[in-house]
Amino acid sequence: MTADLDTAPTDPDFAALTERHRRELHVHCYRMLASFDDAEDAVQDTYLRAWRGRDGFDGAQVRAWLYRIATNVCLDLLRRNGRQPRAARSYAEVPWLQPYPDRLLDRVAPGDEQPDAVAVTRETIELAFLAAMQVLPARQRAAFLVRDVLGWSAAETAELLETSVSAANSALQRARATLQAHLPARRADWAGNPVDERERELLARFIDAHERCDAAAALAAAAPDLRITMPPQPMCFDGVAAIAPLLERAFGPEREGDWRLLPTYANRLPAAASYLRRPGDPVFRAFKLDVLRVRDGRIAEITTFGHALFPAFDLPAVL
């Protein structure tokens, strides 16, 4: 979904009024859809709809106006694609899940030009939160995000959803109950908690183990109940015994090649961008992105994505 060049917003006054909200709208759509690429399409459609409807807009509360459009774009998209897992026991059940670069999340923060912007904390962007959100019906998802993340009033939420205040409140309560059942009990510990020094140290150990092809060192950094998932693939590996074939494939004598890794950050979590140099190839080529969740000083979960979003992370294609 891409705006037609003949109808794309080009008016400088319109751009000056709306463009400063683009990144936070992208994050909002990402929370609704759990896909970086789908969020990109949704924001494009949002600005196209805003442009086409600009004559009916009085210029007041432009941020709220854009959020209403963006939310409805996402609701329309969710109605069309029907994406809603019955549960999110693992990320394997949310195959459209994609990571979000921290470098772009950092651009969404309150400032002189956007004093009402909401800073993006781990609590509302971590992969577990995104996956749990996907279990919610679309309108409950929207009600929760605009009330509990953006801080809108019940009346504003009802207006956005084109329903009564009591119906909007009911949707919110149902959403809260479902999320409570699907999110980790210690979710509150994430709030406002950036990647800390222990997580950076574990990331460095993870990178070193991979570059030395040292399976023992990799296991030493991992929790016994380590889980690995690879969206969009349906596999889920639980426990160190289950990942033995993965270690052999990555580090064993029959491995595909040698590794170089770069540290990065996604969804307010430490991550490593992996590059593989196959036999006979003079360069290391982009291969995958591992996002790490740390618990009690050990790597508790690795979510492995492909390299398609490396440009969004400002990562090179080769080393």
Protein backbone atom coordinates (compact mmCIF):
# COMPACT_ATOMS: atom_id res chain seq x y z
CA MET A 1 0.00 0.00 0.00
CA THR A 2 1.77 3.13 -1.20
CA ALA A 3 0.44 6.62 -1.78
CA ASP A 4 -0.02 7.42 -5.48
CA LEU A 5 2.50 10.01 -6.59
CA ASP A 6 -0.22 12.16 -8.12
CA THR A 7 -2.22 12.32 -4.88
CA ALA A 8 0.55 12.16 -2.27
CA PRO A 9 0.68 15.07 0.22
CA THR A 10 2.99 17.77 -1.14
CA ASP A 11 1.60 21.02 0.33
CA PRO A 12 4.32 22.57 2.56
CA ASP A 13 1.78 23.91 5.08
CA PHE A 14 0.19 20.48 5.41
CA ALA A 15 3.62 18.89 5.81
CA ALA A 16 4.65 21.42 8.46
CA LEU A 17 1.46 20.69 10.38
CA THR A 18 1.59 16.90 10.25
CA GLU A 19 5.07 15.52 9.56
CA ARG A 20 6.41 15.93 13.10
CA HIS A 21 3.90 13.28 14.22
CA ARG A 22 4.91 10.65 11.66
CA ARG A 23 7.24 8.60 13.86
CA GLU A 24 4.89 8.39 16.84
CA LEU A 25 2.06 7.42 14.50
CA HIS A 26 4.30 4.69 13.11
CA VAL A 27 4.88 3.37 16.64
CA HIS A 28 1.13 3.49 17.33
CA CYS A 29 0.38 1.50 14.18
CA TYR A 30 3.18 -0.92 15.07
CA ARG A 31 1.59 -1.56 18.45
CA MET A 32 -1.71 -2.23 16.72
CA LEU A 33 -0.24 -4.49 14.01
CA ALA A 34 3.04 -5.89 15.47
CA SER A 35 4.65 -5.52 12.05
CA PHE A 36 7.13 -2.77 11.15
CA ASP A 37 6.32 -3.11 7.45
CA ASP A 38 2.55 -3.08 7.97
CA ALA A 39 2.93 -0.02 10.19
CA GLU A 40 4.81 1.70 7.38
CA ASP A 41 1.93 0.99 4.99
CA ALA A 42 -0.61 2.13 7.58
CA VAL A 43 1.15 5.46 8.11
CA GLN A 44 1.33 6.01 4.35
CA ASP A 45 -2.41 5.41 4.14
CA THR A 46 -3.00 7.66 7.17
CA TYR A 47 -1.29 10.61 5.52
CA LEU A 48 -3.06 9.99 2.25
CA ARG A 49 -6.45 9.95 4.00
CA ALA A 50 -5.52 13.04 5.99
CA TRP A 51 -4.51 14.84 2.81
CA ARG A 52 -7.74 13.94 1.08
CA GLY A 53 -9.79 15.04 4.11
CA ARG A 54 -7.84 18.20 4.90
CA ASP A 55 -10.59 20.54 3.73
CA GLY A 56 -12.86 19.25 6.48
CA PHE A 57 -10.23 19.73 9.20
CA ASP A 58 -10.27 23.00 11.15
CA GLY A 59 -6.57 22.89 12.10
CA ALA A 60 -7.14 22.27 15.82
CA GLN A 61 -5.76 19.23 17.67
CA VAL A 62 -3.92 17.91 14.62
CA ARG A 63 -2.24 15.15 16.64
CA ALA A 64 -5.54 13.71 17.85
CA TRP A 65 -6.96 13.99 14.32
CA LEU A 66 -4.05 12.00 12.88
CA TYR A 67 -4.28 9.38 15.62
CA ARG A 68 -7.98 8.87 14.85
CA ILE A 69 -7.20 8.37 11.19
CA ALA A 70 -4.27 6.05 11.91
CA THR A 71 -6.30 3.94 14.33
CA ASN A 72 -9.10 3.54 11.82
CA VAL A 73 -6.59 2.62 9.10
CA CYS A 74 -5.31 -0.15 11.39
CA LEU A 75 -8.83 -1.31 12.23
CA ASP A 76 -9.64 -1.52 8.52
CA LEU A 77 -6.45 -3.48 7.87
CA LEU A 78 -7.16 -5.89 10.72
CA ARG A 79 -10.68 -6.46 9.44
CA ARG A 80 -9.24 -7.37 6.04
CA ASN A 81 -6.42 -9.65 7.14
CA GLY A 82 -8.16 -11.30 10.09
CA ARG A 83 -4.93 -11.63 12.06
CA GLN A 84 -5.72 -12.59 15.65
CA PRO A 85 -4.14 -15.62 17.31
CA ARG A 86 -6.26 -17.37 19.93
CA ALA A 87 -3.29 -17.28 22.28
CA ALA A 88 0.31 -16.10 22.27
CA ARG A 89 2.08 -18.84 24.17
CA SER A 90 5.11 -18.14 22.01
CA TYR A 91 6.06 -15.78 19.22
CA ALA A 92 5.71 -18.70 16.81
CA GLU A 93 1.96 -18.03 17.03
CA VAL A 94 2.45 -14.45 15.79
CA PRO A 95 4.30 -15.06 12.50
CA TRP A 96 3.90 -11.44 11.35
CA LEU A 97 5.81 -10.13 14.41
CA GLN A 98 8.77 -7.92 13.49
CA PRO A 99 11.33 -6.00 15.58
CA TYR A 100 11.45 -2.21 15.97
CA PRO A 101 14.81 -0.38 16.04
CA ASP A 102 15.55 1.52 19.23
CA ARG A 103 17.22 4.26 17.21
CA LEU A 104 13.79 5.11 15.77
CA LEU A 105 11.98 4.70 19.08
CA ASP A 106 14.33 7.33 20.52
CA ARG A 107 12.84 9.86 18.10
CA VAL A 108 9.48 9.56 19.84
CA ALA A 109 9.90 11.64 22.97
CA PRO A 110 8.34 14.75 24.46
CA GLY A 111 10.03 17.95 23.34
CA ASP A 112 9.41 21.61 22.66
CA GLU A 113 7.65 20.82 19.39
CA GLN A 114 5.71 17.81 20.73
CA PRO A 115 5.11 18.35 24.45
CA ASP A 116 2.22 15.85 24.42
CA ALA A 117 4.25 13.01 22.85
CA VAL A 118 4.53 9.85 24.94
CA ALA A 119 8.02 8.44 25.53
CA VAL A 120 8.32 4.81 24.42
CA THR A 121 9.20 2.63 27.41
CA ARG A 122 9.99 -1.06 27.44
CA GLU A 123 6.66 -1.79 29.09
CA THR A 124 4.71 -0.76 25.98
CA ILE A 125 7.03 -1.91 23.19
CA GLU A 126 8.65 -5.16 24.37
CA LEU A 127 7.97 -8.15 22.13
CA ALA A 128 5.90 -9.88 24.84
CA PHE A 129 3.61 -6.86 24.98
CA LEU A 130 3.27 -6.76 21.19
CA ALA A 131 2.42 -10.47 21.02
CA ALA A 132 -0.13 -10.21 23.81
CA MET A 133 -1.77 -7.24 22.09
CA GLN A 134 -2.38 -9.41 19.03
CA VAL A 135 -4.65 -11.70 21.04
CA LEU A 136 -7.08 -8.81 21.59
CA PRO A 137 -9.91 -8.15 19.15
CA ALA A 138 -9.07 -5.08 17.08
CA ARG A 139 -11.39 -2.62 18.84
CA GLN A 140 -10.24 -3.74 22.28
CA ARG A 141 -6.67 -3.27 21.08
CA ALA A 142 -7.46 0.29 20.01
CA ALA A 143 -9.31 1.07 23.26
CA PHE A 144 -6.40 -0.13 25.38
CA LEU A 145 -3.77 1.76 23.41
CA VAL A 146 -5.52 5.12 23.33
CA ARG A 147 -6.60 4.93 26.99
CA ASP A 148 -3.72 3.22 28.81
CA VAL A 149 -0.79 4.10 26.54
CA LEU A 150 -1.74 7.47 25.04
CA GLY A 151 -3.82 8.61 28.01
CA TRP A 152 -6.97 9.63 26.16
CA SER A 153 -10.19 10.14 28.09
CA ALA A 154 -13.13 7.74 27.97
CA ALA A 155 -15.10 10.27 25.92
CA GLU A 156 -12.29 10.68 23.39
CA THR A 157 -11.94 6.92 23.10
CA ALA A 158 -15.66 6.50 22.55
CA GLU A 159 -15.58 9.15 19.83
CA LEU A 160 -12.69 7.43 18.07
CA LEU A 161 -14.45 4.05 18.17
CA GLU A 162 -17.80 5.66 17.26
CA THR A 163 -19.50 4.08 20.24
CA SER A 164 -20.81 5.00 23.70
CA VAL A 165 -18.58 5.77 26.67
CA SER A 166 -19.91 2.69 28.49
CA ALA A 167 -19.12 0.45 25.48
CA ALA A 168 -15.62 1.94 25.20
CA ASN A 169 -15.01 1.37 28.91
CA SER A 170 -16.25 -2.20 28.58
CA ALA A 171 -13.82 -2.83 25.70
CA LEU A 172 -11.01 -1.41 27.82
CA GLN A 173 -11.82 -3.60 30.82
CA ARG A 174 -11.95 -6.73 28.68
CA ALA A 175 -8.63 -5.79 27.08
CA ARG A 176 -6.99 -5.29 30.47
CA ALA A 177 -8.22 -8.65 31.71
CA THR A 178 -6.94 -10.47 28.61
CA LEU A 179 -3.54 -8.77 28.77
CA GLN A 180 -3.17 -9.58 32.44
CA ALA A 181 -3.63 -13.26 31.58
CA HIS A 182 -1.08 -13.18 28.74
CA LEU A 183 1.69 -10.88 30.00
CA PRO A 184 4.47 -11.90 32.39
CA ALA A 185 3.72 -11.26 36.05
CA ARG A 186 6.78 -8.97 36.38
CA ARG A 187 5.75 -6.76 33.47
CA ALA A 188 5.64 -3.70 35.74
CA ASP A 189 9.38 -4.07 36.28
CA TRP A 190 9.98 -3.10 32.64
CA ALA A 191 8.48 0.37 32.88
CA GLY A 192 11.04 3.05 32.10
CA ASN A 193 13.83 0.49 32.36
CA PRO A 194 16.36 0.89 29.52
CA VAL A 195 18.92 -1.71 28.62
CA ASP A 196 21.22 -1.92 31.64
CA GLU A 197 24.88 -2.80 32.07
CA ARG A 198 24.21 -6.47 32.85
CA GLU A 199 22.26 -6.82 29.63
CA ARG A 200 25.06 -5.15 27.67
CA GLU A 201 27.56 -7.55 29.24
CA LEU A 202 25.44 -10.56 28.29
CA LEU A 203 25.10 -9.20 24.77
CA ALA A 204 28.90 -8.93 24.55
CA ARG A 205 29.26 -12.54 25.77
CA PHE A 206 26.65 -13.70 23.25
CA ILE A 207 28.54 -11.99 20.42
CA ASP A 208 31.91 -13.34 21.55
CA ALA A 209 30.60 -16.91 21.79
CA HIS A 210 29.19 -16.73 18.28
CA GLU A 211 32.30 -15.26 16.72
CA ARG A 212 34.46 -17.95 18.36
CA CYS A 213 31.86 -20.66 17.53
CA ASP A 214 31.97 -21.63 21.20
CA ALA A 215 28.80 -23.58 22.03
CA ALA A 216 29.80 -24.01 25.69
CA ALA A 217 30.19 -20.26 26.16
CA ALA A 218 26.83 -19.66 24.48
CA LEU A 219 25.13 -22.13 26.83
CA ALA A 220 26.85 -20.61 29.87
CA ALA A 221 25.13 -17.30 29.16
CA ALA A 222 21.72 -18.92 28.74
CA ALA A 223 19.03 -19.87 31.25
CA PRO A 224 18.26 -23.61 31.47
CA ASP A 225 14.76 -22.95 30.15
CA LEU A 226 15.97 -20.80 27.25
CA ARG A 227 13.35 -20.38 24.52
CA ILE A 228 14.16 -19.67 20.87
CA THR A 229 11.58 -18.67 18.27
CA MET A 230 12.04 -17.54 14.68
CA PRO A 231 9.07 -15.57 13.33
CA PRO A 232 7.61 -16.12 10.76
CA GLN A 233 8.70 -19.76 11.10
CA PRO A 234 6.39 -21.86 13.33
CA MET A 235 9.19 -23.47 15.36
CA CYS A 236 9.58 -23.01 19.11
CA PHE A 237 12.55 -24.52 20.97
CA ASP A 238 12.27 -24.80 24.76
CA GLY A 239 15.24 -25.68 26.98
CA VAL A 240 18.92 -26.13 26.28
CA ALA A 241 18.44 -29.77 25.21
CA ALA A 242 16.05 -28.71 22.47
CA ILE A 243 18.52 -26.20 20.99
CA ALA A 244 21.38 -28.69 20.60
CA PRO A 245 20.72 -29.12 16.84
CA LEU A 246 20.77 -25.33 16.42
CA LEU A 247 24.14 -25.07 18.17
CA GLU A 248 25.57 -27.82 16.01
CA ARG A 249 24.34 -26.13 12.87
CA ALA A 250 25.71 -22.73 13.93
CA PHE A 251 29.00 -23.74 15.58
CA GLY A 252 29.82 -27.34 14.60
CA PRO A 253 32.36 -28.54 12.04
CA GLU A 254 29.68 -28.70 9.35
CA ARG A 255 28.51 -25.14 9.95
CA GLU A 256 27.67 -22.92 6.99
CA GLY A 257 30.55 -20.52 7.62
CA ASP A 258 32.02 -18.02 10.09
CA TRP A 259 30.24 -15.31 12.03
CA ARG A 260 30.62 -11.62 12.75
CA LEU A 261 28.06 -9.87 14.94
CA LEU A 262 27.24 -6.23 15.63
CA PRO A 263 25.47 -5.06 18.81
CA THR A 264 22.21 -3.18 18.38
CA TYR A 265 18.93 -2.67 20.23
CA ALA A 266 15.33 -3.50 19.34
CA ASN A 267 12.10 -3.00 21.29
CA ARG A 268 14.19 -1.69 24.21
CA LEU A 269 16.05 -5.01 24.36
CA PRO A 270 19.64 -5.95 23.51
CA ALA A 271 20.04 -7.47 20.06
CA ALA A 272 22.78 -8.80 17.80
CA ALA A 273 22.95 -8.48 14.03
CA SER A 274 24.62 -11.58 12.59
CA TYR A 275 26.68 -11.73 9.40
CA LEU A 276 27.75 -15.01 7.81
CA ARG A 277 30.81 -15.57 5.64
CA ARG A 278 30.38 -18.78 3.70
CA PRO A 279 33.38 -20.73 2.36
CA GLY A 280 34.85 -19.00 -0.69
CA ASP A 281 33.08 -15.71 0.03
CA PRO A 282 35.42 -12.80 0.92
CA VAL A 283 32.77 -10.87 2.89
CA PHE A 284 30.35 -11.41 5.76
CA ARG A 285 26.76 -10.99 4.54
CA ALA A 286 23.67 -9.95 6.54
CA PHE A 287 22.01 -13.08 7.88
CA LYS A 288 19.76 -12.60 10.95
CA LEU A 289 18.85 -10.47 13.94
CA ASP A 290 18.67 -12.01 17.43
CA VAL A 291 16.70 -10.08 20.06
CA LEU A 292 17.53 -11.14 23.62
CA ARG A 293 15.36 -11.11 26.70
CA VAL A 294 17.38 -11.29 29.90
CA ARG A 295 16.09 -12.67 33.20
CA ASP A 296 18.10 -12.89 36.43
CA GLY A 297 21.38 -12.35 34.63
CA ARG A 298 20.88 -15.04 31.98
CA ILE A 299 19.50 -15.03 28.45
CA ALA A 300 15.96 -16.36 28.87
CA GLU A 301 14.72 -15.91 25.32
CA ILE A 302 16.11 -15.35 21.83
CA THR A 303 13.80 -14.17 19.08
CA THR A 304 15.45 -14.57 15.70
CA PHE A 305 14.35 -12.47 12.74
CA GLY A 306 15.63 -12.29 9.19
CA HIS A 307 17.81 -9.47 7.88
CA ALA A 308 15.13 -7.64 5.85
CA LEU A 309 14.92 -4.78 8.37
CA PHE A 310 18.68 -4.20 8.65
CA PRO A 311 18.34 -0.89 6.76
CA ALA A 312 15.85 0.36 9.38
CA PHE A 313 18.44 -0.47 12.05
CA ASP A 314 21.07 1.44 10.02
CA LEU A 315 23.02 -1.81 9.67
CA PRO A 316 25.20 -2.52 6.62
CA ALA A 317 24.45 -5.33 4.18
CA VAL A 318 28.01 -6.69 4.32
CA LEU A 319 31.05 -6.48 6.57
